[in-house]
Amino acid sequence: MDDRELVRRAIEARELSYSPYSKFAVGAALLCGDGTLVTGANIENAAFSPSICAERVALFKAISEGKRRFLKLAVACEGDHCRPCGVCRQVMHEHAPDMIVLMANLNGEYVRTTVRELLPDGFSL
């Protein structure tokens, strides 16, 4: 799947966001090593700490379905381009440190980077 299609799928996934508190909807689309596409959207909770970002929703869905190899993840939101938070960067680092990350806006414009570039000194055991 090419980058633009992955970004388009992340923008679509954003529509499923549950973000009544922040009003900041985020969508993610994850391309697994076997070609499977898994999407996610951020899900908030009134207590805030149980909330989860779109990137982690997509990754955890894929992991819970037995996927272990990840090639690319697109994340899209309103604004300049969507950057994963520190928690998402650490989770991505543990499961796919060499994965390509496409940080997109709602116009489909994106910045291409890698997890290692986003978190050069990520924690690992």
PDB file of N, CA and C in Angstrom:
ATOM      1  N   MET A   1       0.850  -1.178   0.000  1.00  0.00           N
ATOM      2  CA  MET A   1       0.000   0.000   0.000  1.00  0.00           C
ATOM      3  C   MET A   1       0.893   1.236   0.000  1.00  0.00           C
ATOM      4  N   ASP A   2       0.591   2.179  -0.871  1.00  0.00           N
ATOM      5  CA  ASP A   2       1.430   3.375  -0.927  1.00  0.00           C
ATOM      6  C   ASP A   2       1.082   4.339   0.204  1.00  0.00           C
ATOM      7  N   ASP A   3       1.973   5.291   0.424  1.00  0.00           N
ATOM      8  CA  ASP A   3       1.837   6.232   1.539  1.00  0.00           C
ATOM      9  C   ASP A   3       0.523   7.004   1.487  1.00  0.00           C
ATOM     10  N   ARG A   4       0.158   7.515   0.321  1.00  0.00           N
ATOM     11  CA  ARG A   4      -1.046   8.343   0.196  1.00  0.00           C
ATOM     12  C   ARG A   4      -2.314   7.565   0.565  1.00  0.00           C
ATOM     13  N   GLU A   5      -2.386   6.294   0.166  1.00  0.00           N
ATOM     14  CA  GLU A   5      -3.547   5.471   0.507  1.00  0.00           C
ATOM     15  C   GLU A   5      -3.600   5.217   2.011  1.00  0.00           C
ATOM     16  N   LEU A   6      -2.441   4.981   2.631  1.00  0.00           N
ATOM     17  CA  LEU A   6      -2.400   4.756   4.072  1.00  0.00           C
ATOM     18  C   LEU A   6      -2.847   6.010   4.822  1.00  0.00           C
ATOM     19  N   VAL A   7      -2.397   7.174   4.366  1.00  0.00           N
ATOM     20  CA  VAL A   7      -2.823   8.442   4.968  1.00  0.00           C
ATOM     21  C   VAL A   7      -4.330   8.616   4.800  1.00  0.00           C
ATOM     22  N   ARG A   8      -4.863   8.308   3.624  1.00  0.00           N
ATOM     23  CA  ARG A   8      -6.308   8.422   3.386  1.00  0.00           C
ATOM     24  C   ARG A   8      -7.088   7.547   4.365  1.00  0.00           C
ATOM     25  N   ARG A   9      -6.608   6.355   4.616  1.00  0.00           N
ATOM     26  CA  ARG A   9      -7.278   5.438   5.545  1.00  0.00           C
ATOM     27  C   ARG A   9      -7.215   5.965   6.981  1.00  0.00           C
ATOM     28  N   ALA A  10      -6.108   6.623   7.349  1.00  0.00           N
ATOM     29  CA  ALA A  10      -6.001   7.228   8.685  1.00  0.00           C
ATOM     30  C   ALA A  10      -7.003   8.371   8.838  1.00  0.00           C
ATOM     31  N   ILE A  11      -7.140   9.170   7.788  1.00  0.00           N
ATOM     32  CA  ILE A  11      -8.113  10.273   7.819  1.00  0.00           C
ATOM     33  C   ILE A  11      -9.529   9.708   7.976  1.00  0.00           C
ATOM     34  N   GLU A  12      -9.841   8.627   7.278  1.00  0.00           N
ATOM     35  CA  GLU A  12     -11.148   7.971   7.419  1.00  0.00           C
ATOM     36  C   GLU A  12     -11.351   7.435   8.839  1.00  0.00           C
ATOM     37  N   ALA A  13     -10.320   6.810   9.394  1.00  0.00           N
ATOM     38  CA  ALA A  13     -10.417   6.235  10.744  1.00  0.00           C
ATOM     39  C   ALA A  13     -10.707   7.307  11.783  1.00  0.00           C
ATOM     40  N   ARG A  14     -10.252   8.503  11.535  1.00  0.00           N
ATOM     41  CA  ARG A  14     -10.458   9.636  12.447  1.00  0.00           C
ATOM     42  C   ARG A  14     -11.938   9.879  12.698  1.00  0.00           C
ATOM     43  N   GLU A  15     -12.779   9.569  11.726  1.00  0.00           N
ATOM     44  CA  GLU A  15     -14.220   9.777  11.856  1.00  0.00           C
ATOM     45  C   GLU A  15     -14.831   8.928  12.977  1.00  0.00           C
ATOM     46  N   LEU A  16     -14.141   7.878  13.396  1.00  0.00           N
ATOM     47  CA  LEU A  16     -14.645   6.998  14.453  1.00  0.00           C
ATOM     48  C   LEU A  16     -14.135   7.377  15.840  1.00  0.00           C
ATOM     49  N   SER A  17     -13.420   8.486  15.928  1.00  0.00           N
ATOM     50  CA  SER A  17     -12.886   8.957  17.204  1.00  0.00           C
ATOM     51  C   SER A  17     -14.004   9.219  18.206  1.00  0.00           C
ATOM     52  N   TYR A  18     -13.711   8.911  19.460  1.00  0.00           N
ATOM     53  CA  TYR A  18     -14.586   9.293  20.566  1.00  0.00           C
ATOM     54  C   TYR A  18     -13.794  10.300  21.389  1.00  0.00           C
ATOM     55  N   SER A  19     -13.987  11.581  21.096  1.00  0.00           N
ATOM     56  CA  SER A  19     -13.183  12.629  21.738  1.00  0.00           C
ATOM     57  C   SER A  19     -14.067  13.797  22.192  1.00  0.00           C
ATOM     58  N   PRO A  20     -15.048  13.531  23.080  1.00  0.00           N
ATOM     59  CA  PRO A  20     -15.956  14.586  23.504  1.00  0.00           C
ATOM     60  C   PRO A  20     -15.311  15.629  24.411  1.00  0.00           C
ATOM     61  N   TYR A  21     -14.196  15.322  25.024  1.00  0.00           N
ATOM     62  CA  TYR A  21     -13.574  16.237  25.982  1.00  0.00           C
ATOM     63  C   TYR A  21     -12.572  17.167  25.308  1.00  0.00           C
ATOM     64  N   SER A  22     -11.661  16.610  24.552  1.00  0.00           N
ATOM     65  CA  SER A  22     -10.648  17.436  23.888  1.00  0.00           C
ATOM     66  C   SER A  22     -11.137  17.989  22.556  1.00  0.00           C
ATOM     67  N   LYS A  23     -12.106  17.324  21.946  1.00  0.00           N
ATOM     68  CA  LYS A  23     -12.575  17.671  20.595  1.00  0.00           C
ATOM     69  C   LYS A  23     -11.429  17.549  19.583  1.00  0.00           C
ATOM     70  N   PHE A  24     -10.434  16.731  19.886  1.00  0.00           N
ATOM     71  CA  PHE A  24      -9.258  16.541  19.032  1.00  0.00           C
ATOM     72  C   PHE A  24      -9.273  15.104  18.502  1.00  0.00           C
ATOM     73  N   ALA A  25      -9.896  14.917  17.364  1.00  0.00           N
ATOM     74  CA  ALA A  25     -10.043  13.589  16.775  1.00  0.00           C
ATOM     75  C   ALA A  25      -8.780  13.189  16.023  1.00  0.00           C
ATOM     76  N   VAL A  26      -8.339  11.953  16.247  1.00  0.00           N
ATOM     77  CA  VAL A  26      -7.138  11.421  15.598  1.00  0.00           C
ATOM     78  C   VAL A  26      -7.464  10.040  15.042  1.00  0.00           C
ATOM     79  N   GLY A  27      -6.953   9.775  13.841  1.00  0.00           N
ATOM     80  CA  GLY A  27      -7.100   8.460  13.234  1.00  0.00           C
ATOM     81  C   GLY A  27      -5.745   7.892  12.888  1.00  0.00           C
ATOM     82  N   ALA A  28      -5.650   6.565  12.883  1.00  0.00           N
ATOM     83  CA  ALA A  28      -4.399   5.895  12.530  1.00  0.00           C
ATOM     84  C   ALA A  28      -4.704   4.712  11.627  1.00  0.00           C
ATOM     85  N   ALA A  29      -3.772   4.424  10.737  1.00  0.00           N
ATOM     86  CA  ALA A  29      -3.865   3.247   9.869  1.00  0.00           C
ATOM     87  C   ALA A  29      -2.507   2.564   9.893  1.00  0.00           C
ATOM     88  N   LEU A  30      -2.494   1.287  10.237  1.00  0.00           N
ATOM     89  CA  LEU A  30      -1.273   0.507  10.430  1.00  0.00           C
ATOM     90  C   LEU A  30      -1.187  -0.577   9.362  1.00  0.00           C
ATOM     91  N   LEU A  31      -0.090  -0.590   8.616  1.00  0.00           N
ATOM     92  CA  LEU A  31       0.152  -1.635   7.628  1.00  0.00           C
ATOM     93  C   LEU A  31       1.043  -2.699   8.250  1.00  0.00           C
ATOM     94  N   CYS A  32       0.497  -3.907   8.378  1.00  0.00           N
ATOM     95  CA  CYS A  32       1.238  -5.020   8.978  1.00  0.00           C
ATOM     96  C   CYS A  32       2.100  -5.709   7.916  1.00  0.00           C
ATOM     97  N   GLY A  33       3.056  -6.483   8.390  1.00  0.00           N
ATOM     98  CA  GLY A  33       3.993  -7.166   7.502  1.00  0.00           C
ATOM     99  C   GLY A  33       3.344  -8.134   6.544  1.00  0.00           C
ATOM    100  N   ASP A  34       2.171  -8.662   6.892  1.00  0.00           N
ATOM    101  CA  ASP A  34       1.475  -9.607   6.013  1.00  0.00           C
ATOM    102  C   ASP A  34       0.500  -8.908   5.066  1.00  0.00           C
ATOM    103  N   GLY A  35       0.521  -7.562   5.056  1.00  0.00           N
ATOM    104  CA  GLY A  35      -0.353  -6.791   4.179  1.00  0.00           C
ATOM    105  C   GLY A  35      -1.678  -6.400   4.802  1.00  0.00           C
ATOM    106  N   THR A  36      -1.953  -6.876   6.013  1.00  0.00           N
ATOM    107  CA  THR A  36      -3.189  -6.528   6.713  1.00  0.00           C
ATOM    108  C   THR A  36      -3.173  -5.052   7.093  1.00  0.00           C
ATOM    109  N   LEU A  37      -4.311  -4.404   6.966  1.00  0.00           N
ATOM    110  CA  LEU A  37      -4.465  -3.018   7.392  1.00  0.00           C
ATOM    111  C   LEU A  37      -5.319  -3.006   8.649  1.00  0.00           C
ATOM    112  N   VAL A  38      -4.831  -2.341   9.702  1.00  0.00           N
ATOM    113  CA  VAL A  38      -5.562  -2.208  10.954  1.00  0.00           C
ATOM    114  C   VAL A  38      -5.674  -0.717  11.247  1.00  0.00           C
ATOM    115  N   THR A  39      -6.889  -0.262  11.570  1.00  0.00           N
ATOM    116  CA  THR A  39      -7.089   1.155  11.855  1.00  0.00           C
ATOM    117  C   THR A  39      -7.415   1.365  13.324  1.00  0.00           C
ATOM    118  N   GLY A  40      -7.294   2.614  13.744  1.00  0.00           N
ATOM    119  CA  GLY A  40      -7.625   2.983  15.108  1.00  0.00           C
ATOM    120  C   GLY A  40      -8.011   4.442  15.177  1.00  0.00           C
ATOM    121  N   ALA A  41      -8.732   4.799  16.218  1.00  0.00           N
ATOM    122  CA  ALA A  41      -9.094   6.188  16.490  1.00  0.00           C
ATOM    123  C   ALA A  41      -8.926   6.419  17.986  1.00  0.00           C
ATOM    124  N   ASN A  42      -8.643   7.657  18.359  1.00  0.00           N
ATOM    125  CA  ASN A  42      -8.480   7.926  19.781  1.00  0.00           C
ATOM    126  C   ASN A  42      -9.808   7.784  20.502  1.00  0.00           C
ATOM    127  N   ILE A  43      -9.722   7.301  21.743  1.00  0.00           N
ATOM    128  CA  ILE A  43     -10.899   7.064  22.565  1.00  0.00           C
ATOM    129  C   ILE A  43     -10.635   7.695  23.931  1.00  0.00           C
ATOM    130  N   GLU A  44     -11.448   8.682  24.282  1.00  0.00           N
ATOM    131  CA  GLU A  44     -11.254   9.395  25.540  1.00  0.00           C
ATOM    132  C   GLU A  44     -12.165   8.846  26.637  1.00  0.00           C
ATOM    133  N   ASN A  45     -11.831   9.236  27.860  1.00  0.00           N
ATOM    134  CA  ASN A  45     -12.615   8.871  29.030  1.00  0.00           C
ATOM    135  C   ASN A  45     -12.617  10.074  29.960  1.00  0.00           C
ATOM    136  N   ALA A  46     -13.697  10.270  30.670  1.00  0.00           N
ATOM    137  CA  ALA A  46     -13.814  11.425  31.570  1.00  0.00           C
ATOM    138  C   ALA A  46     -12.704  11.455  32.614  1.00  0.00           C
ATOM    139  N   ALA A  47     -12.158  10.321  32.973  1.00  0.00           N
ATOM    140  CA  ALA A  47     -11.060  10.272  33.947  1.00  0.00           C
ATOM    141  C   ALA A  47      -9.713  10.577  33.302  1.00  0.00           C
ATOM    142  N   PHE A  48      -9.667  10.762  32.004  1.00  0.00           N
ATOM    143  CA  PHE A  48      -8.504  11.103  31.187  1.00  0.00           C
ATOM    144  C   PHE A  48      -7.431  10.035  31.128  1.00  0.00           C
ATOM    145  N   SER A  49      -6.912   9.546  32.237  1.00  0.00           N
ATOM    146  CA  SER A  49      -5.810   8.583  32.147  1.00  0.00           C
ATOM    147  C   SER A  49      -6.198   7.281  31.439  1.00  0.00           C
ATOM    148  N   PRO A  50      -7.457   6.823  31.474  1.00  0.00           N
ATOM    149  CA  PRO A  50      -7.797   5.619  30.704  1.00  0.00           C
ATOM    150  C   PRO A  50      -7.942   5.880  29.198  1.00  0.00           C
ATOM    151  N   SER A  51      -7.846   7.130  28.774  1.00  0.00           N
ATOM    152  CA  SER A  51      -7.947   7.442  27.351  1.00  0.00           C
ATOM    153  C   SER A  51      -6.795   6.788  26.599  1.00  0.00           C
ATOM    154  N   ILE A  52      -6.993   6.560  25.291  1.00  0.00           N
ATOM    155  CA  ILE A  52      -5.952   5.908  24.496  1.00  0.00           C
ATOM    156  C   ILE A  52      -5.876   6.568  23.120  1.00  0.00           C
ATOM    157  N   CYS A  53      -4.667   6.741  22.654  1.00  0.00           N
ATOM    158  CA  CYS A  53      -4.415   7.372  21.364  1.00  0.00           C
ATOM    159  C   CYS A  53      -4.712   6.417  20.209  1.00  0.00           C
ATOM    160  N   ALA A  54      -4.986   6.987  19.053  1.00  0.00           N
ATOM    161  CA  ALA A  54      -5.306   6.195  17.855  1.00  0.00           C
ATOM    162  C   ALA A  54      -4.186   5.238  17.476  1.00  0.00           C
ATOM    163  N   GLU A  55      -2.945   5.689  17.604  1.00  0.00           N
ATOM    164  CA  GLU A  55      -1.807   4.852  17.225  1.00  0.00           C
ATOM    165  C   GLU A  55      -1.764   3.577  18.060  1.00  0.00           C
ATOM    166  N   ARG A  56      -1.988   3.721  19.368  1.00  0.00           N
ATOM    167  CA  ARG A  56      -1.961   2.552  20.251  1.00  0.00           C
ATOM    168  C   ARG A  56      -3.181   1.667  20.037  1.00  0.00           C
ATOM    169  N   VAL A  57      -4.334   2.255  19.722  1.00  0.00           N
ATOM    170  CA  VAL A  57      -5.501   1.433  19.402  1.00  0.00           C
ATOM    171  C   VAL A  57      -5.162   0.528  18.224  1.00  0.00           C
ATOM    172  N   ALA A  58      -4.619   1.095  17.152  1.00  0.00           N
ATOM    173  CA  ALA A  58      -4.283   0.301  15.961  1.00  0.00           C
ATOM    174  C   ALA A  58      -3.238  -0.768  16.288  1.00  0.00           C
ATOM    175  N   LEU A  59      -2.184  -0.384  16.998  1.00  0.00           N
ATOM    176  CA  LEU A  59      -1.136  -1.354  17.335  1.00  0.00           C
ATOM    177  C   LEU A  59      -1.663  -2.462  18.241  1.00  0.00           C
ATOM    178  N   PHE A  60      -2.404  -2.105  19.273  1.00  0.00           N
ATOM    179  CA  PHE A  60      -2.888  -3.114  20.207  1.00  0.00           C
ATOM    180  C   PHE A  60      -3.925  -4.029  19.549  1.00  0.00           C
ATOM    181  N   LYS A  61      -4.761  -3.484  18.661  1.00  0.00           N
ATOM    182  CA  LYS A  61      -5.694  -4.332  17.918  1.00  0.00           C
ATOM    183  C   LYS A  61      -4.911  -5.358  17.097  1.00  0.00           C
ATOM    184  N   ALA A  62      -3.880  -4.883  16.389  1.00  0.00           N
ATOM    185  CA  ALA A  62      -3.090  -5.775  15.545  1.00  0.00           C
ATOM    186  C   ALA A  62      -2.368  -6.829  16.381  1.00  0.00           C
ATOM    187  N   ILE A  63      -1.773  -6.420  17.483  1.00  0.00           N
ATOM    188  CA  ILE A  63      -1.052  -7.360  18.349  1.00  0.00           C
ATOM    189  C   ILE A  63      -2.024  -8.393  18.919  1.00  0.00           C
ATOM    190  N   SER A  64      -3.212  -7.948  19.324  1.00  0.00           N
ATOM    191  CA  SER A  64      -4.195  -8.877  19.891  1.00  0.00           C
ATOM    192  C   SER A  64      -4.723  -9.855  18.849  1.00  0.00           C
ATOM    193  N   GLU A  65      -4.533  -9.545  17.570  1.00  0.00           N
ATOM    194  CA  GLU A  65      -4.937 -10.434  16.478  1.00  0.00           C
ATOM    195  C   GLU A  65      -3.758 -11.270  15.971  1.00  0.00           C
ATOM    196  N   GLY A  66      -2.643 -11.238  16.709  1.00  0.00           N
ATOM    197  CA  GLY A  66      -1.501 -12.078  16.375  1.00  0.00           C
ATOM    198  C   GLY A  66      -0.481 -11.466  15.441  1.00  0.00           C
ATOM    199  N   LYS A  67      -0.659 -10.224  15.060  1.00  0.00           N
ATOM    200  CA  LYS A  67       0.310  -9.564  14.178  1.00  0.00           C
ATOM    201  C   LYS A  67       1.538  -9.168  14.996  1.00  0.00           C
ATOM    202  N   ARG A  68       2.697  -9.340  14.409  1.00  0.00           N
ATOM    203  CA  ARG A  68       3.935  -9.003  15.124  1.00  0.00           C
ATOM    204  C   ARG A  68       4.910  -8.194  14.273  1.00  0.00           C
ATOM    205  N   ARG A  69       4.638  -8.033  12.989  1.00  0.00           N
ATOM    206  CA  ARG A  69       5.533  -7.283  12.119  1.00  0.00           C
ATOM    207  C   ARG A  69       4.754  -6.120  11.509  1.00  0.00           C
ATOM    208  N   PHE A  70       5.308  -4.910  11.657  1.00  0.00           N
ATOM    209  CA  PHE A  70       4.617  -3.702  11.220  1.00  0.00           C
ATOM    210  C   PHE A  70       5.522  -2.889  10.309  1.00  0.00           C
ATOM    211  N   LEU A  71       4.974  -2.456   9.175  1.00  0.00           N
ATOM    212  CA  LEU A  71       5.762  -1.749   8.171  1.00  0.00           C
ATOM    213  C   LEU A  71       5.609  -0.237   8.236  1.00  0.00           C
ATOM    214  N   LYS A  72       4.349   0.225   8.278  1.00  0.00           N
ATOM    215  CA  LYS A  72       4.076   1.664   8.234  1.00  0.00           C
ATOM    216  C   LYS A  72       2.859   1.983   9.078  1.00  0.00           C
ATOM    217  N   LEU A  73       2.883   3.164   9.663  1.00  0.00           N
ATOM    218  CA  LEU A  73       1.734   3.667  10.392  1.00  0.00           C
ATOM    219  C   LEU A  73       1.505   5.110   9.976  1.00  0.00           C
ATOM    220  N   ALA A  74       0.281   5.420   9.569  1.00  0.00           N
ATOM    221  CA  ALA A  74      -0.100   6.805   9.271  1.00  0.00           C
ATOM    222  C   ALA A  74      -0.983   7.291  10.398  1.00  0.00           C
ATOM    223  N   VAL A  75      -0.780   8.524  10.805  1.00  0.00           N
ATOM    224  CA  VAL A  75      -1.604   9.129  11.846  1.00  0.00           C
ATOM    225  C   VAL A  75      -2.031  10.499  11.331  1.00  0.00           C
ATOM    226  N   ALA A  76      -3.344  10.801  11.461  1.00  0.00           N
ATOM    227  CA  ALA A  76      -3.884  12.030  10.885  1.00  0.00           C
ATOM    228  C   ALA A  76      -4.752  12.772  11.881  1.00  0.00           C
ATOM    229  N   CYS A  77      -4.634  14.097  11.857  1.00  0.00           N
ATOM    230  CA  CYS A  77      -5.458  14.950  12.702  1.00  0.00           C
ATOM    231  C   CYS A  77      -5.513  16.338  12.095  1.00  0.00           C
ATOM    232  N   GLU A  78      -6.330  17.180  12.685  1.00  0.00           N
ATOM    233  CA  GLU A  78      -6.439  18.559  12.247  1.00  0.00           C
ATOM    234  C   GLU A  78      -5.165  19.307  12.623  1.00  0.00           C
ATOM    235  N   GLY A  79      -4.741  20.236  11.807  1.00  0.00           N
ATOM    236  CA  GLY A  79      -3.556  21.028  12.102  1.00  0.00           C
ATOM    237  C   GLY A  79      -2.440  20.783  11.102  1.00  0.00           C
ATOM    238  N   ASP A  80      -1.232  21.130  11.479  1.00  0.00           N
ATOM    239  CA  ASP A  80      -0.061  21.051  10.601  1.00  0.00           C
ATOM    240  C   ASP A  80       0.189  19.620  10.135  1.00  0.00           C
ATOM    241  N   HIS A  81       0.607  18.783  11.018  1.00  0.00           N
ATOM    242  CA  HIS A  81       0.698  17.338  10.789  1.00  0.00           C
ATOM    243  C   HIS A  81       0.702  16.664  12.154  1.00  0.00           C
ATOM    244  N   CYS A  82       0.111  15.511  12.222  1.00  0.00           N
ATOM    245  CA  CYS A  82      -0.152  14.833  13.484  1.00  0.00           C
ATOM    246  C   CYS A  82       1.098  14.122  13.994  1.00  0.00           C
ATOM    247  N   ARG A  83       1.536  14.478  15.182  1.00  0.00           N
ATOM    248  CA  ARG A  83       2.726  13.870  15.774  1.00  0.00           C
ATOM    249  C   ARG A  83       2.324  12.923  16.895  1.00  0.00           C
ATOM    250  N   PRO A  84       2.870  11.713  16.907  1.00  0.00           N
ATOM    251  CA  PRO A  84       2.569  10.792  18.010  1.00  0.00           C
ATOM    252  C   PRO A  84       3.094  11.335  19.341  1.00  0.00           C
ATOM    253  N   CYS A  85       2.345  11.074  20.407  1.00  0.00           N
ATOM    254  CA  CYS A  85       2.784  11.492  21.736  1.00  0.00           C
ATOM    255  C   CYS A  85       3.950  10.618  22.197  1.00  0.00           C
ATOM    256  N   GLY A  86       4.539  10.949  23.320  1.00  0.00           N
ATOM    257  CA  GLY A  86       5.672  10.195  23.849  1.00  0.00           C
ATOM    258  C   GLY A  86       5.328   8.756  24.198  1.00  0.00           C
ATOM    259  N   VAL A  87       4.142   8.527  24.753  1.00  0.00           N
ATOM    260  CA  VAL A  87       3.733   7.166  25.103  1.00  0.00           C
ATOM    261  C   VAL A  87       3.615   6.331  23.829  1.00  0.00           C
ATOM    262  N   CYS A  88       2.981   6.868  22.793  1.00  0.00           N
ATOM    263  CA  CYS A  88       2.857   6.140  21.525  1.00  0.00           C
ATOM    264  C   CYS A  88       4.227   5.866  20.914  1.00  0.00           C
ATOM    265  N   ARG A  89       5.118   6.827  20.998  1.00  0.00           N
ATOM    266  CA  ARG A  89       6.467   6.624  20.457  1.00  0.00           C
ATOM    267  C   ARG A  89       7.163   5.459  21.160  1.00  0.00           C
ATOM    268  N   GLN A  90       7.001   5.363  22.477  1.00  0.00           N
ATOM    269  CA  GLN A  90       7.628   4.267  23.220  1.00  0.00           C
ATOM    270  C   GLN A  90       7.006   2.927  22.840  1.00  0.00           C
ATOM    271  N   VAL A  91       5.688   2.874  22.720  1.00  0.00           N
ATOM    272  CA  VAL A  91       5.023   1.631  22.325  1.00  0.00           C
ATOM    273  C   VAL A  91       5.473   1.217  20.926  1.00  0.00           C
ATOM    274  N   MET A  92       5.516   2.165  19.996  1.00  0.00           N
ATOM    275  CA  MET A  92       5.979   1.858  18.641  1.00  0.00           C
ATOM    276  C   MET A  92       7.422   1.371  18.661  1.00  0.00           C
ATOM    277  N   HIS A  93       8.243   1.991  19.511  1.00  0.00           N
ATOM    278  CA  HIS A  93       9.653   1.603  19.598  1.00  0.00           C
ATOM    279  C   HIS A  93       9.795   0.152  20.049  1.00  0.00           C
ATOM    280  N   GLU A  94       8.976  -0.266  20.996  1.00  0.00           N
ATOM    281  CA  GLU A  94       9.066  -1.642  21.484  1.00  0.00           C
ATOM    282  C   GLU A  94       8.634  -2.658  20.439  1.00  0.00           C
ATOM    283  N   HIS A  95       7.627  -2.329  19.662  1.00  0.00           N
ATOM    284  CA  HIS A  95       7.065  -3.299  18.725  1.00  0.00           C
ATOM    285  C   HIS A  95       7.568  -3.162  17.295  1.00  0.00           C
ATOM    286  N   ALA A  96       8.074  -1.983  16.910  1.00  0.00           N
ATOM    287  CA  ALA A  96       8.501  -1.771  15.517  1.00  0.00           C
ATOM    288  C   ALA A  96       9.437  -0.579  15.416  1.00  0.00           C
ATOM    289  N   PRO A  97      10.648  -0.673  15.973  1.00  0.00           N
ATOM    290  CA  PRO A  97      11.539   0.491  15.999  1.00  0.00           C
ATOM    291  C   PRO A  97      11.951   1.013  14.624  1.00  0.00           C
ATOM    292  N   ASP A  98      11.861   0.192  13.602  1.00  0.00           N
ATOM    293  CA  ASP A  98      12.248   0.626  12.255  1.00  0.00           C
ATOM    294  C   ASP A  98      11.049   0.965  11.374  1.00  0.00           C
ATOM    295  N   MET A  99       9.863   0.981  11.953  1.00  0.00           N
ATOM    296  CA  MET A  99       8.650   1.256  11.189  1.00  0.00           C
ATOM    297  C   MET A  99       8.660   2.688  10.651  1.00  0.00           C
ATOM    298  N   ILE A 100       8.103   2.858   9.470  1.00  0.00           N
ATOM    299  CA  ILE A 100       7.908   4.176   8.877  1.00  0.00           C
ATOM    300  C   ILE A 100       6.657   4.787   9.504  1.00  0.00           C
ATOM    301  N   VAL A 101       6.720   6.082   9.814  1.00  0.00           N
ATOM    302  CA  VAL A 101       5.587   6.804  10.387  1.00  0.00           C
ATOM    303  C   VAL A 101       5.265   7.977   9.466  1.00  0.00           C
ATOM    304  N   LEU A 102       3.996   8.063   9.060  1.00  0.00           N
ATOM    305  CA  LEU A 102       3.515   9.157   8.218  1.00  0.00           C
ATOM    306  C   LEU A 102       2.648  10.058   9.085  1.00  0.00           C
ATOM    307  N   MET A 103       3.111  11.276   9.327  1.00  0.00           N
ATOM    308  CA  MET A 103       2.392  12.223  10.182  1.00  0.00           C
ATOM    309  C   MET A 103       1.645  13.181   9.259  1.00  0.00           C
ATOM    310  N   ALA A 104       0.296  13.059   9.243  1.00  0.00           N
ATOM    311  CA  ALA A 104      -0.509  13.724   8.227  1.00  0.00           C
ATOM    312  C   ALA A 104      -1.477  14.748   8.784  1.00  0.00           C
ATOM    313  N   ASN A 105      -1.920  15.626   7.882  1.00  0.00           N
ATOM    314  CA  ASN A 105      -3.026  16.533   8.201  1.00  0.00           C
ATOM    315  C   ASN A 105      -4.254  16.077   7.420  1.00  0.00           C
ATOM    316  N   LEU A 106      -5.340  16.795   7.534  1.00  0.00           N
ATOM    317  CA  LEU A 106      -6.588  16.370   6.905  1.00  0.00           C
ATOM    318  C   LEU A 106      -6.631  16.626   5.407  1.00  0.00           C
ATOM    319  N   ASN A 107      -5.645  17.345   4.880  1.00  0.00           N
ATOM    320  CA  ASN A 107      -5.539  17.548   3.431  1.00  0.00           C
ATOM    321  C   ASN A 107      -4.765  16.422   2.764  1.00  0.00           C
ATOM    322  N   GLY A 108      -4.283  15.467   3.555  1.00  0.00           N
ATOM    323  CA  GLY A 108      -3.506  14.365   3.005  1.00  0.00           C
ATOM    324  C   GLY A 108      -2.023  14.663   2.874  1.00  0.00           C
ATOM    325  N   GLU A 109      -1.599  15.844   3.306  1.00  0.00           N
ATOM    326  CA  GLU A 109      -0.170  16.174   3.298  1.00  0.00           C
ATOM    327  C   GLU A 109       0.462  15.498   4.501  1.00  0.00           C
ATOM    328  N   TYR A 110       1.698  15.032   4.350  1.00  0.00           N
ATOM    329  CA  TYR A 110       2.321  14.303   5.448  1.00  0.00           C
ATOM    330  C   TYR A 110       3.833  14.477   5.460  1.00  0.00           C
ATOM    331  N   VAL A 111       4.384  14.192   6.621  1.00  0.00           N
ATOM    332  CA  VAL A 111       5.831  14.140   6.830  1.00  0.00           C
ATOM    333  C   VAL A 111       6.167  12.672   7.077  1.00  0.00           C
ATOM    334  N   ARG A 112       7.168  12.160   6.408  1.00  0.00           N
ATOM    335  CA  ARG A 112       7.575  10.757   6.530  1.00  0.00           C
ATOM    336  C   ARG A 112       8.808  10.672   7.419  1.00  0.00           C
ATOM    337  N   THR A 113       8.763   9.800   8.405  1.00  0.00           N
ATOM    338  CA  THR A 113       9.890   9.619   9.317  1.00  0.00           C
ATOM    339  C   THR A 113       9.908   8.154   9.762  1.00  0.00           C
ATOM    340  N   THR A 114      10.717   7.839  10.743  1.00  0.00           N
ATOM    341  CA  THR A 114      10.738   6.492  11.316  1.00  0.00           C
ATOM    342  C   THR A 114      10.573   6.596  12.829  1.00  0.00           C
ATOM    343  N   VAL A 115      10.245   5.468  13.442  1.00  0.00           N
ATOM    344  CA  VAL A 115      10.111   5.444  14.896  1.00  0.00           C
ATOM    345  C   VAL A 115      11.445   5.825  15.538  1.00  0.00           C
ATOM    346  N   ARG A 116      12.554   5.298  15.042  1.00  0.00           N
ATOM    347  CA  ARG A 116      13.866   5.620  15.627  1.00  0.00           C
ATOM    348  C   ARG A 116      14.189   7.111  15.542  1.00  0.00           C
ATOM    349  N   GLU A 117      13.734   7.765  14.483  1.00  0.00           N
ATOM    350  CA  GLU A 117      13.948   9.215  14.381  1.00  0.00           C
ATOM    351  C   GLU A 117      13.083   9.969  15.383  1.00  0.00           C
ATOM    352  N   LEU A 118      11.865   9.455  15.637  1.00  0.00           N
ATOM    353  CA  LEU A 118      10.970  10.093  16.598  1.00  0.00           C
ATOM    354  C   LEU A 118      11.407   9.850  18.043  1.00  0.00           C
ATOM    355  N   LEU A 119      12.025   8.694  18.291  1.00  0.00           N
ATOM    356  CA  LEU A 119      12.457   8.327  19.647  1.00  0.00           C
ATOM    357  C   LEU A 119      13.820   7.651  19.542  1.00  0.00           C
ATOM    358  N   PRO A 120      14.889   8.440  19.392  1.00  0.00           N
ATOM    359  CA  PRO A 120      16.217   7.868  19.118  1.00  0.00           C
ATOM    360  C   PRO A 120      16.792   7.026  20.253  1.00  0.00           C
ATOM    361  N   ASP A 121      16.346   7.232  21.454  1.00  0.00           N
ATOM    362  CA  ASP A 121      16.912   6.505  22.583  1.00  0.00           C
ATOM    363  C   ASP A 121      15.813   5.835  23.385  1.00  0.00           C
ATOM    364  N   GLY A 122      14.913   5.142  22.692  1.00  0.00           N
ATOM    365  CA  GLY A 122      13.761   4.516  23.334  1.00  0.00           C
ATOM    366  C   GLY A 122      14.173   3.459  24.338  1.00  0.00           C
ATOM    367  N   PHE A 123      13.360   3.282  25.358  1.00  0.00           N
ATOM    368  CA  PHE A 123      13.620   2.302  26.403  1.00  0.00           C
ATOM    369  C   PHE A 123      13.377   0.897  25.865  1.00  0.00           C
ATOM    370  N   SER A 124      14.262  -0.017  26.194  1.00  0.00           N
ATOM    371  CA  SER A 124      14.052  -1.428  25.852  1.00  0.00           C
ATOM    372  C   SER A 124      14.769  -2.301  26.882  1.00  0.00           C
ATOM    373  N   LEU A 125      14.319  -3.520  27.007  1.00  0.00           N
ATOM    374  CA  LEU A 125      14.932  -4.450  27.965  1.00  0.00           C
ATOM    375  C   LEU A 125      16.065  -5.198  27.315  1.00  0.00           C
TER     376      LEU A 125
END
